[in-house]
Amino acid sequence: MSTVVMKFGGSSVADVERLRRVAAIVVARRRAGDRVVVVVSAMGKTTDALIAQAREVSPAPPRRELDMLVTAGERIAMALLSMAIHDAGEEAISFTGSQSGIITEDEHQGARILEVRPHRIEEALARQHIVIVAGFQGVSKKREITTLGRGGSDTTAVALAAALHADSCEIYSDVDGVYSADPNVCPQARLLPELRYETMQAMACAGAKVLNAQAVEFARRAGIAIHARKTGDESGRETIVSHAAPDLGRVAGVVGANAVSWLRGAPSSVAAQAAAKLALGLPRLAALGATTCHVFCAERLELVVDRTGVPGRDAGRVAALAHELGLEVEAVALVSLVGVALNTQASVQSEGAAALAAVDVEPRAWLATDHVVAVIVEVAACDVAVRALHGAFLE
């Protein structure tokens, strides 16, 4: 009997009807003979609504209390899904992150998983129950409820798959896998059936929304293959992320992020001052819901952060923090070419610059890491830049 971990995102359980459809999918899998563990996100935009409500009560709510509040969203979804499965004729039991044995760091708002002790899950599976786990949350060694940061339900699923020695870890969302670009922006984008962990992680860090970067890193270390699929799609289309994926060539994909803040220190900042600002700023940016895409501390401190996880993608909250830290800030877009060892290939930037010039997009700055060559452009130019770079490198 195989053990499968299935994770369903917020859009898959956004309302009662969709939740019932997920219950039917899970029940069918159990009746096919698998032992099933389901990780579920909060329904729809519940998390955003809870955070917005917290901001109405307090402009700077304590991070501990914010964790206590937002984890309620996943608990609601897990209980309702368990009820739906019972109604469909199968035994199910729901567990919070702490009941599932997910032990994290003491940090609130973006804790990392330290270990998983899935004793109650294993006992429930032995009794032939379907197990529903609230994603995005755990418990610290100080017995405090913690959250894993945006997209943390993916990390929950992968961590449980590793701890349970599962045969499969499947991430279900409203898209049928990972594409070479966002097909809503670039109609020529194609589904990537297989990706290496490093490439997928780089795409996630650059702003691709299908999988969480921390979850991919966890899967890489544990050797767990991730199957990214569309909820309810039986066509077999998917993206498998693993060590065994073939080389896709120089550039695998183009990722555009149009809710980005570019934070910069004064050129005269010395290393110690930059390090102090970095140590203070990164946790506070994470608490806002911002994800750091790039960090540079050369001639001056530079941070590029994605605001997708900030309620309303509010640039003002990031700007207020930047000004408090003595940093300049500007709302921009980031378009990233993702592949293998791109920063060693000087031609990538020159070819990219030529493609952008052909569509009258002016690069503000170029950034490079091991797997990414990225360009900062004006927000209005983001989609045009994605299409131009996809055409130059992938068509």
Protein backbone atom coordinates (compact mmCIF):
# COMPACT_ATOMS: atom_id res chain seq x y z
CA MET A 1 0.00 0.00 0.00
CA SER A 2 1.50 3.33 -1.10
CA THR A 3 1.54 6.46 1.05
CA VAL A 4 0.75 9.68 -0.78
CA VAL A 5 0.82 13.27 0.47
CA MET A 6 -1.55 15.56 -1.43
CA LYS A 7 -1.50 19.32 -0.89
CA PHE A 8 -4.38 21.54 -2.04
CA GLY A 9 -3.95 25.31 -2.26
CA GLY A 10 -6.39 27.99 -1.22
CA SER A 11 -7.95 28.36 -4.68
CA SER A 12 -8.73 24.62 -4.73
CA VAL A 13 -10.80 24.92 -1.52
CA ALA A 14 -11.99 28.51 -1.97
CA ASP A 15 -15.64 27.67 -1.33
CA VAL A 16 -17.80 24.79 -0.15
CA GLU A 17 -18.42 23.43 -3.65
CA ARG A 18 -14.71 23.30 -4.46
CA LEU A 19 -13.99 21.80 -1.08
CA ARG A 20 -16.47 19.00 -1.83
CA ARG A 21 -14.72 18.37 -5.17
CA VAL A 22 -11.40 18.02 -3.36
CA ALA A 23 -13.04 15.62 -0.91
CA ALA A 24 -14.18 13.47 -3.86
CA ILE A 25 -10.65 13.42 -5.30
CA VAL A 26 -9.20 12.39 -1.94
CA VAL A 27 -11.82 9.71 -1.35
CA ALA A 28 -11.19 8.23 -4.81
CA ARG A 29 -7.49 8.04 -4.05
CA ARG A 30 -8.14 6.26 -0.76
CA ARG A 31 -10.49 3.78 -2.42
CA ALA A 32 -7.82 3.07 -5.03
CA GLY A 33 -5.79 1.59 -2.16
CA ASP A 34 -3.43 4.40 -1.09
CA ARG A 35 -2.82 5.67 2.42
CA VAL A 36 -3.61 9.37 2.07
CA VAL A 37 -2.37 12.44 3.93
CA VAL A 38 -3.85 15.75 2.77
CA VAL A 39 -2.28 19.14 3.52
CA VAL A 40 -4.68 22.02 3.05
CA SER A 41 -4.26 25.80 2.83
CA ALA A 42 -6.76 28.37 4.08
CA MET A 43 -9.83 28.82 1.89
CA GLY A 44 -9.41 31.42 -0.85
CA LYS A 45 -8.24 34.79 0.48
CA THR A 46 -8.90 33.97 4.15
CA THR A 47 -5.32 34.68 5.23
CA ASP A 48 -5.28 38.08 3.52
CA ALA A 49 -8.61 38.94 5.14
CA LEU A 50 -7.37 37.98 8.60
CA ILE A 51 -4.19 40.04 8.20
CA ALA A 52 -6.19 43.02 6.96
CA GLN A 53 -8.49 42.71 9.96
CA ALA A 54 -5.49 42.60 12.27
CA ARG A 55 -4.13 45.82 10.70
CA GLU A 56 -7.48 47.50 11.36
CA VAL A 57 -7.17 46.64 15.02
CA SER A 58 -3.45 47.45 15.29
CA PRO A 59 -1.10 49.00 12.72
CA ALA A 60 1.74 46.84 14.08
CA PRO A 61 0.25 43.70 15.64
CA PRO A 62 2.60 41.50 17.72
CA ARG A 63 3.98 38.74 15.52
CA ARG A 64 3.02 36.05 18.02
CA GLU A 65 -0.60 37.13 18.02
CA LEU A 66 -0.60 37.42 14.24
CA ASP A 67 0.49 33.77 14.04
CA MET A 68 -2.27 32.79 16.44
CA LEU A 69 -4.77 34.62 14.23
CA VAL A 70 -3.79 33.56 10.72
CA THR A 71 -3.34 29.85 11.54
CA ALA A 72 -7.10 29.76 12.15
CA GLY A 73 -7.62 29.85 8.37
CA GLU A 74 -5.99 26.46 7.81
CA ARG A 75 -7.74 24.98 10.84
CA ILE A 76 -11.11 25.98 9.39
CA ALA A 77 -10.26 24.41 6.02
CA MET A 78 -8.94 21.15 7.53
CA ALA A 79 -12.03 20.63 9.69
CA LEU A 80 -14.46 21.36 6.84
CA LEU A 81 -12.59 19.04 4.47
CA SER A 82 -12.64 16.27 7.08
CA MET A 83 -16.40 16.75 7.44
CA ALA A 84 -16.84 16.55 3.66
CA ILE A 85 -14.85 13.31 3.52
CA HIS A 86 -16.96 11.82 6.32
CA ASP A 87 -20.06 12.83 4.36
CA ALA A 88 -18.64 10.96 1.33
CA GLY A 89 -18.40 7.76 3.36
CA GLU A 90 -14.74 7.57 4.46
CA GLU A 91 -13.14 7.96 7.86
CA ALA A 92 -11.03 11.11 8.22
CA ILE A 93 -9.34 13.01 11.03
CA SER A 94 -7.87 16.51 11.01
CA PHE A 95 -4.73 17.68 12.81
CA THR A 96 -3.15 21.09 13.33
CA GLY A 97 0.54 21.54 12.62
CA SER A 98 1.42 21.04 16.27
CA GLN A 99 -0.73 17.89 16.53
CA SER A 100 1.06 16.59 13.43
CA GLY A 101 4.44 16.95 15.15
CA ILE A 102 5.82 19.75 12.98
CA ILE A 103 8.55 21.30 15.13
CA THR A 104 9.90 24.70 14.03
CA GLU A 105 12.31 27.43 15.02
CA ASP A 106 11.13 29.93 17.62
CA GLU A 107 10.76 32.65 14.96
CA HIS A 108 7.24 33.91 14.27
CA GLN A 109 6.13 34.77 10.71
CA GLY A 110 8.50 32.67 8.61
CA ALA A 111 9.82 29.90 10.88
CA ARG A 112 11.73 26.99 9.39
CA ILE A 113 10.89 23.36 10.14
CA LEU A 114 13.49 21.68 12.35
CA GLU A 115 11.99 18.19 12.50
CA VAL A 116 8.76 16.28 12.07
CA ARG A 117 7.43 13.75 14.59
CA PRO A 118 4.35 12.34 12.80
CA HIS A 119 3.32 9.81 15.47
CA ARG A 120 -0.38 10.72 15.51
CA ILE A 121 -0.50 10.72 11.71
CA GLU A 122 1.04 7.25 11.56
CA GLU A 123 -1.43 5.95 14.16
CA ALA A 124 -4.36 7.38 12.19
CA LEU A 125 -3.09 5.90 8.93
CA ALA A 126 -2.74 2.51 10.63
CA ARG A 127 -6.45 2.78 11.50
CA GLN A 128 -7.19 3.34 7.77
CA HIS A 129 -8.13 7.01 8.29
CA ILE A 130 -7.54 9.75 5.75
CA VAL A 131 -5.46 12.36 7.58
CA ILE A 132 -6.02 16.08 6.96
CA VAL A 133 -3.24 18.41 8.13
CA ALA A 134 -3.40 22.19 8.43
CA GLY A 135 -0.58 23.60 6.30
CA PHE A 136 1.59 26.66 6.90
CA GLN A 137 1.99 26.10 10.65
CA GLY A 138 3.89 24.27 13.36
CA VAL A 139 4.95 24.57 16.96
CA SER A 140 8.26 25.78 18.36
CA LYS A 141 10.27 24.02 21.05
CA LYS A 142 8.92 26.69 23.37
CA ARG A 143 5.41 25.41 22.52
CA GLU A 144 4.46 28.53 20.62
CA ILE A 145 2.31 28.36 17.48
CA THR A 146 4.40 29.46 14.48
CA THR A 147 3.83 30.01 10.77
CA LEU A 148 6.13 29.00 7.92
CA GLY A 149 5.76 32.08 5.73
CA ARG A 150 3.92 32.55 2.44
CA GLY A 151 3.49 29.28 0.55
CA GLY A 152 4.34 27.38 3.72
CA SER A 153 1.71 24.71 3.05
CA ASP A 154 3.98 23.39 0.27
CA THR A 155 6.76 23.06 2.84
CA THR A 156 4.39 21.26 5.23
CA ALA A 157 3.54 18.73 2.50
CA VAL A 158 7.15 18.03 1.54
CA ALA A 159 8.29 17.77 5.16
CA LEU A 160 5.52 15.27 5.93
CA ALA A 161 6.30 13.27 2.78
CA ALA A 162 9.92 12.98 3.91
CA ALA A 163 9.03 12.05 7.50
CA LEU A 164 6.47 9.44 6.40
CA HIS A 165 8.72 8.04 3.62
CA ALA A 166 5.84 8.70 1.25
CA ASP A 167 5.84 7.31 -2.27
CA SER A 168 4.57 10.58 -3.74
CA CYS A 169 4.21 14.28 -2.86
CA GLU A 170 1.63 16.00 -5.03
CA ILE A 171 0.99 19.76 -5.02
CA TYR A 172 -2.41 20.72 -6.48
CA SER A 173 -3.32 24.26 -7.52
CA ASP A 174 -5.25 26.08 -10.25
CA VAL A 175 -2.49 25.51 -12.87
CA ASP A 176 -1.34 22.24 -14.44
CA GLY A 177 2.36 22.66 -13.70
CA VAL A 178 5.26 25.02 -14.23
CA TYR A 179 5.54 26.92 -17.53
CA SER A 180 8.49 28.55 -19.27
CA ALA A 181 6.70 31.86 -18.51
CA ASP A 182 3.32 32.91 -17.17
CA PRO A 183 0.94 31.81 -19.97
CA ASN A 184 -1.42 34.66 -19.05
CA VAL A 185 1.35 37.07 -20.02
CA CYS A 186 3.14 35.05 -22.70
CA PRO A 187 0.82 32.81 -24.78
CA GLN A 188 3.84 31.07 -26.31
CA ALA A 189 4.91 29.70 -22.91
CA ARG A 190 5.08 25.91 -22.72
CA LEU A 191 4.61 23.44 -19.89
CA LEU A 192 7.88 22.11 -18.48
CA PRO A 193 7.26 18.39 -17.75
CA GLU A 194 10.42 18.03 -15.65
CA LEU A 195 12.63 20.44 -13.72
CA ARG A 196 15.68 20.13 -11.53
CA TYR A 197 15.33 21.25 -7.93
CA GLU A 198 17.85 24.08 -8.38
CA THR A 199 16.05 25.50 -11.41
CA MET A 200 12.63 25.32 -9.75
CA GLN A 201 13.94 26.92 -6.59
CA ALA A 202 15.48 29.77 -8.59
CA MET A 203 12.19 30.30 -10.43
CA ALA A 204 10.28 30.35 -7.13
CA CYS A 205 12.69 32.85 -5.60
CA ALA A 206 12.32 35.04 -8.71
CA GLY A 207 8.55 35.22 -8.29
CA ALA A 208 7.04 32.11 -9.91
CA LYS A 209 3.99 31.21 -7.82
CA VAL A 210 3.43 27.50 -8.55
CA LEU A 211 5.76 26.13 -5.83
CA ASN A 212 7.30 27.58 -2.68
CA ALA A 213 11.10 28.02 -2.71
CA GLN A 214 11.61 26.69 0.83
CA ALA A 215 9.54 23.60 -0.02
CA VAL A 216 11.69 22.90 -3.06
CA GLU A 217 14.85 23.22 -0.97
CA PHE A 218 13.39 20.83 1.61
CA ALA A 219 12.52 18.36 -1.17
CA ARG A 220 16.02 18.60 -2.63
CA ARG A 221 17.65 17.80 0.70
CA ALA A 222 15.26 14.93 1.35
CA GLY A 223 15.31 13.58 -2.21
CA ILE A 224 11.50 13.85 -2.50
CA ALA A 225 10.12 14.31 -6.03
CA ILE A 226 7.35 16.92 -6.26
CA HIS A 227 4.45 16.53 -8.71
CA ALA A 228 2.80 19.88 -9.51
CA ARG A 229 -0.72 19.35 -10.92
CA LYS A 230 -4.02 21.11 -11.51
CA THR A 231 -6.87 20.19 -9.18
CA GLY A 232 -9.39 17.99 -10.97
CA ASP A 233 -7.33 17.69 -14.18
CA GLU A 234 -7.10 14.05 -15.25
CA SER A 235 -5.14 14.69 -18.47
CA GLY A 236 -1.83 13.64 -16.91
CA ARG A 237 -0.24 17.05 -17.47
CA GLU A 238 2.13 17.94 -14.66
CA THR A 239 5.61 19.12 -13.75
CA ILE A 240 7.87 16.74 -11.82
CA VAL A 241 10.65 18.38 -9.82
CA SER A 242 13.51 16.02 -8.99
CA HIS A 243 17.24 15.27 -9.20
CA ALA A 244 16.65 13.22 -12.33
CA ALA A 245 15.19 15.97 -14.54
CA PRO A 246 17.04 16.48 -17.84
CA ASP A 247 19.07 19.59 -18.68
CA LEU A 248 16.74 22.09 -20.34
CA GLY A 249 19.56 24.08 -21.89
CA ARG A 250 20.90 27.50 -21.12
CA VAL A 251 17.59 29.19 -20.15
CA ALA A 252 14.66 27.18 -18.78
CA GLY A 253 12.20 29.96 -18.08
CA VAL A 254 11.43 33.65 -17.75
CA VAL A 255 9.77 34.91 -14.57
CA GLY A 256 8.19 38.34 -14.23
CA ALA A 257 7.36 39.96 -10.88
CA ASN A 258 5.61 43.34 -11.07
CA ALA A 259 5.11 43.99 -7.33
CA VAL A 260 8.74 44.52 -6.37
CA SER A 261 10.53 47.05 -4.15
CA TRP A 262 14.17 47.97 -4.74
CA LEU A 263 15.86 49.08 -1.50
CA ARG A 264 19.29 50.73 -1.64
CA GLY A 265 21.70 52.09 0.94
CA ALA A 266 23.90 55.13 0.46
CA PRO A 267 27.09 54.37 -1.53
CA SER A 268 29.18 55.41 1.49
CA SER A 269 27.69 52.69 3.72
CA VAL A 270 30.45 50.65 5.29
CA ALA A 271 30.18 46.88 5.56
CA ALA A 272 29.28 46.88 9.26
CA GLN A 273 26.47 49.38 8.76
CA ALA A 274 25.12 47.39 5.81
CA ALA A 275 25.22 44.15 7.79
CA ALA A 276 23.39 45.77 10.71
CA LYS A 277 20.65 47.07 8.42
CA LEU A 278 20.40 43.67 6.77
CA ALA A 279 20.07 41.84 10.09
CA LEU A 280 17.36 44.24 11.21
CA GLY A 281 15.55 44.58 7.90
CA LEU A 282 15.16 41.01 6.61
CA PRO A 283 13.04 39.64 9.50
CA ARG A 284 10.85 42.74 9.44
CA LEU A 285 10.37 42.49 5.69
CA ALA A 286 9.38 38.84 6.13
CA ALA A 287 6.92 39.86 8.85
CA LEU A 288 5.27 42.22 6.35
CA GLY A 289 4.88 39.29 3.95
CA ALA A 290 7.64 40.39 1.56
CA THR A 291 9.99 37.81 0.02
CA THR A 292 13.63 38.72 -0.55
CA CYS A 293 14.71 37.90 -4.12
CA HIS A 294 18.23 39.37 -4.16
CA VAL A 295 20.66 40.73 -1.58
CA PHE A 296 23.90 42.51 -2.47
CA CYS A 297 26.42 44.11 -0.10
CA ALA A 298 29.17 45.34 -2.42
CA GLU A 299 29.62 49.10 -2.80
CA ARG A 300 26.31 49.56 -1.01
CA LEU A 301 23.50 47.47 0.42
CA GLU A 302 20.82 46.53 -2.12
CA LEU A 303 17.69 44.45 -1.49
CA VAL A 304 15.15 43.39 -4.09
CA VAL A 305 11.93 42.14 -2.47
CA ASP A 306 8.71 40.74 -3.91
CA ARG A 307 5.58 42.23 -2.29
CA THR A 308 3.14 39.56 -3.50
CA GLY A 309 2.69 38.31 0.07
CA VAL A 310 2.12 41.79 1.50
CA PRO A 311 -1.62 42.47 1.96
CA GLY A 312 -2.73 44.45 -1.08
CA ARG A 313 0.88 44.27 -2.38
CA ASP A 314 1.20 47.53 -0.49
CA ALA A 315 4.39 49.34 -1.50
CA GLY A 316 3.80 51.89 1.25
CA ARG A 317 4.44 49.40 4.07
CA VAL A 318 7.77 48.36 2.56
CA ALA A 319 8.68 51.99 1.86
CA ALA A 320 7.96 52.99 5.46
CA LEU A 321 10.27 50.26 6.74
CA ALA A 322 12.96 51.18 4.21
CA HIS A 323 12.90 54.83 5.27
CA GLU A 324 13.10 53.78 8.92
CA LEU A 325 16.26 51.81 8.09
CA GLY A 326 17.72 54.73 6.16
CA LEU A 327 17.36 53.08 2.75
CA GLU A 328 16.15 54.51 -0.54
CA VAL A 329 13.21 52.61 -2.02
CA GLU A 330 11.50 52.43 -5.38
CA ALA A 331 8.61 50.33 -6.77
CA VAL A 332 9.84 48.43 -9.83
CA ALA A 333 9.44 45.14 -11.71
CA LEU A 334 11.93 42.26 -11.84
CA VAL A 335 12.22 39.99 -14.87
CA SER A 336 14.44 36.95 -14.42
CA LEU A 337 16.03 34.51 -16.84
CA VAL A 338 16.43 31.20 -14.98
CA GLY A 339 18.75 28.39 -16.01
CA VAL A 340 22.06 26.74 -15.18
CA ALA A 341 25.25 28.72 -14.44
CA LEU A 342 23.87 31.80 -16.18
CA ASN A 343 26.09 34.23 -14.28
CA THR A 344 29.16 32.77 -16.02
CA GLN A 345 27.76 33.48 -19.49
CA ALA A 346 28.37 37.10 -20.44
CA SER A 347 26.35 36.68 -23.64
CA VAL A 348 23.12 36.19 -21.69
CA GLN A 349 23.04 39.80 -20.51
CA SER A 350 24.06 41.21 -23.90
CA GLU A 351 21.45 39.13 -25.75
CA GLY A 352 18.85 40.09 -23.17
CA ALA A 353 19.70 43.78 -23.50
CA ALA A 354 19.33 43.56 -27.28
CA ALA A 355 15.92 41.89 -26.96
CA LEU A 356 14.73 44.60 -24.57
CA ALA A 357 16.08 47.40 -26.76
CA ALA A 358 14.06 46.00 -29.66
CA VAL A 359 10.84 46.62 -27.72
CA ASP A 360 11.98 49.96 -26.23
CA VAL A 361 12.40 48.66 -22.67
CA GLU A 362 15.24 50.31 -20.78
CA PRO A 363 16.99 48.17 -18.10
CA ARG A 364 17.44 49.96 -14.79
CA ALA A 365 19.95 47.42 -13.50
CA TRP A 366 21.15 43.86 -14.11
CA LEU A 367 21.57 41.31 -11.31
CA ALA A 368 23.12 37.84 -11.47
CA THR A 369 23.34 34.77 -9.23
CA ASP A 370 24.28 31.16 -10.01
CA HIS A 371 21.00 30.31 -11.71
CA VAL A 372 19.51 33.72 -12.52
CA VAL A 373 20.25 36.73 -14.67
CA ALA A 374 17.63 39.35 -13.80
CA VAL A 375 16.81 42.84 -14.96
CA ILE A 376 15.03 45.61 -13.09
CA VAL A 377 12.60 47.54 -15.27
CA GLU A 378 9.72 49.95 -14.81
CA VAL A 379 6.51 48.30 -13.59
CA ALA A 380 4.62 49.15 -16.79
CA ALA A 381 7.28 47.37 -18.86
CA CYS A 382 7.17 44.04 -17.02
CA ASP A 383 4.93 42.04 -19.35
CA VAL A 384 6.58 43.44 -22.49
CA ALA A 385 9.98 42.47 -21.10
CA VAL A 386 8.80 38.92 -20.28
CA ARG A 387 7.52 38.38 -23.81
CA ALA A 388 10.65 39.85 -25.38
CA LEU A 389 13.04 37.73 -23.36
CA HIS A 390 10.96 34.58 -23.82
CA GLY A 391 11.01 35.18 -27.56
CA ALA A 392 14.78 35.72 -27.59
CA PHE A 393 15.76 32.71 -25.50
CA LEU A 394 12.95 30.14 -25.66
CA GLU A 395 11.16 30.44 -29.00
